[in-house]
């Protein structure tokens, strides 16, 4: 399971990739996966993307870890 620091690192390392898929917002949030708490990267899209991975890999030194990725459909925020 990923902690908050790992999820933030995944967000930073994969922001360009997610924007290229059409994400207009990228954040992290705590969620439950297989009954355990974990942190995930949340990518916000105008429309559900055709293909998106379930996880993002992060590298820290020689360690490779995975962080869950969740795609959500949400309209872009418009300032009033």
C-alpha atoms as a PDB file:
ATOM      1  CA  UNK A   1       0.000   0.000   0.000  1.00  0.00           C
ATOM      2  CA  UNK A   2       1.176   3.509  -0.780  1.00  0.00           C
ATOM      3  CA  UNK A   3       1.665   6.255   1.761  1.00  0.00           C
ATOM      4  CA  UNK A   4       1.019   9.967   1.174  1.00  0.00           C
ATOM      5  CA  UNK A   5       4.645  10.720   0.298  1.00  0.00           C
ATOM      6  CA  UNK A   6       4.745   7.958  -2.324  1.00  0.00           C
ATOM      7  CA  UNK A   7       1.455   9.133  -3.862  1.00  0.00           C
ATOM      8  CA  UNK A   8       2.789  12.703  -4.111  1.00  0.00           C
ATOM      9  CA  UNK A   9       5.947  11.409  -5.773  1.00  0.00           C
ATOM     10  CA  UNK A  10       3.861   9.439  -8.289  1.00  0.00           C
ATOM     11  CA  UNK A  11       1.796  12.563  -9.010  1.00  0.00           C
ATOM     12  CA  UNK A  12       4.961  14.570  -9.637  1.00  0.00           C
ATOM     13  CA  UNK A  13       6.673  11.908 -11.772  1.00  0.00           C
ATOM     14  CA  UNK A  14       3.597  11.177 -13.934  1.00  0.00           C
ATOM     15  CA  UNK A  15       1.889  14.586 -14.223  1.00  0.00           C
ATOM     16  CA  UNK A  16       2.922  15.088 -17.872  1.00  0.00           C
ATOM     17  CA  UNK A  17       1.744  11.570 -18.803  1.00  0.00           C
ATOM     18  CA  UNK A  18      -1.657  12.159 -17.181  1.00  0.00           C
ATOM     19  CA  UNK A  19      -2.044  15.585 -18.808  1.00  0.00           C
ATOM     20  CA  UNK A  20      -1.276  14.006 -22.190  1.00  0.00           C
ATOM     21  CA  UNK A  21      -4.156  11.584 -21.530  1.00  0.00           C
ATOM     22  CA  UNK A  22      -6.407  14.616 -21.013  1.00  0.00           C
ATOM     23  CA  UNK A  23      -6.405  15.090 -17.238  1.00  0.00           C
ATOM     24  CA  UNK A  24      -7.249  18.645 -16.230  1.00  0.00           C
ATOM     25  CA  UNK A  25      -6.584  18.057 -12.539  1.00  0.00           C
ATOM     26  CA  UNK A  26      -4.321  15.718 -10.581  1.00  0.00           C
ATOM     27  CA  UNK A  27      -4.475  15.219  -6.835  1.00  0.00           C
ATOM     28  CA  UNK A  28      -3.998  12.527  -4.222  1.00  0.00           C
ATOM     29  CA  UNK A  29      -6.458  11.108  -1.731  1.00  0.00           C
ATOM     30  CA  UNK A  30      -6.739   8.338   0.818  1.00  0.00           C
ATOM     31  CA  UNK A  31      -8.858   5.344  -0.207  1.00  0.00           C
ATOM     32  CA  UNK A  32      -9.481   1.713   0.669  1.00  0.00           C
ATOM     33  CA  UNK A  33      -8.119  -1.014  -1.572  1.00  0.00           C
ATOM     34  CA  UNK A  34      -8.608  -4.667  -0.697  1.00  0.00           C
ATOM     35  CA  UNK A  35      -9.815  -3.598   2.737  1.00  0.00           C
ATOM     36  CA  UNK A  36      -6.663  -1.603   3.548  1.00  0.00           C
ATOM     37  CA  UNK A  37      -6.088   2.150   3.570  1.00  0.00           C
ATOM     38  CA  UNK A  38      -3.780   3.480   0.900  1.00  0.00           C
ATOM     39  CA  UNK A  39      -3.137   6.733  -0.906  1.00  0.00           C
ATOM     40  CA  UNK A  40      -3.893   7.021  -4.625  1.00  0.00           C
ATOM     41  CA  UNK A  41      -3.320   9.492  -7.427  1.00  0.00           C
ATOM     42  CA  UNK A  42      -6.668  10.887  -8.599  1.00  0.00           C
ATOM     43  CA  UNK A  43      -6.769  12.147 -12.193  1.00  0.00           C
ATOM     44  CA  UNK A  44      -9.735  14.319 -13.203  1.00  0.00           C
ATOM     45  CA  UNK A  45     -11.031  14.161 -16.782  1.00  0.00           C
ATOM     46  CA  UNK A  46     -13.882  15.820 -18.718  1.00  0.00           C
ATOM     47  CA  UNK A  47     -14.760  12.396 -20.156  1.00  0.00           C
ATOM     48  CA  UNK A  48     -13.737   8.890 -19.129  1.00  0.00           C
ATOM     49  CA  UNK A  49     -10.469   8.109 -20.980  1.00  0.00           C
ATOM     50  CA  UNK A  50     -10.425   5.024 -23.194  1.00  0.00           C
ATOM     51  CA  UNK A  51      -7.404   3.451 -21.525  1.00  0.00           C
ATOM     52  CA  UNK A  52      -5.719   4.333 -18.281  1.00  0.00           C
ATOM     53  CA  UNK A  53      -3.454   2.183 -16.106  1.00  0.00           C
ATOM     54  CA  UNK A  54      -4.619   0.989 -12.676  1.00  0.00           C
ATOM     55  CA  UNK A  55      -1.296   1.933 -11.076  1.00  0.00           C
ATOM     56  CA  UNK A  56       1.667   4.242 -11.559  1.00  0.00           C
ATOM     57  CA  UNK A  57       5.247   3.130 -10.919  1.00  0.00           C
ATOM     58  CA  UNK A  58       7.595   5.298  -8.919  1.00  0.00           C
ATOM     59  CA  UNK A  59      11.318   4.957  -8.546  1.00  0.00           C
ATOM     60  CA  UNK A  60      13.290   5.830  -5.435  1.00  0.00           C
ATOM     61  CA  UNK A  61      16.885   4.852  -5.851  1.00  0.00           C
ATOM     62  CA  UNK A  62      16.806   1.187  -6.848  1.00  0.00           C
ATOM     63  CA  UNK A  63      13.316   0.576  -5.440  1.00  0.00           C
ATOM     64  CA  UNK A  64      10.320   0.460  -7.756  1.00  0.00           C
ATOM     65  CA  UNK A  65       6.887   0.771  -6.161  1.00  0.00           C
ATOM     66  CA  UNK A  66       3.331   1.082  -7.456  1.00  0.00           C
ATOM     67  CA  UNK A  67       0.712   3.634  -6.461  1.00  0.00           C
ATOM     68  CA  UNK A  68      -2.982   3.203  -7.338  1.00  0.00           C
ATOM     69  CA  UNK A  69      -4.390   5.491 -10.031  1.00  0.00           C
ATOM     70  CA  UNK A  70      -8.072   6.439 -10.108  1.00  0.00           C
ATOM     71  CA  UNK A  71      -9.727   8.247 -13.030  1.00  0.00           C
ATOM     72  CA  UNK A  72     -12.703  10.428 -12.165  1.00  0.00           C
ATOM     73  CA  UNK A  73     -14.945  12.408 -14.470  1.00  0.00           C
ATOM     74  CA  UNK A  74     -15.374  15.995 -13.290  1.00  0.00           C
ATOM     75  CA  UNK A  75     -15.963  19.273 -15.043  1.00  0.00           C
ATOM     76  CA  UNK A  76     -13.174  21.816 -15.045  1.00  0.00           C
ATOM     77  CA  UNK A  77     -13.387  24.426 -12.318  1.00  0.00           C
ATOM     78  CA  UNK A  78     -14.332  27.842 -13.663  1.00  0.00           C
ATOM     79  CA  UNK A  79     -13.560  30.921 -11.616  1.00  0.00           C
ATOM     80  CA  UNK A  80     -16.484  33.290 -11.226  1.00  0.00           C
END
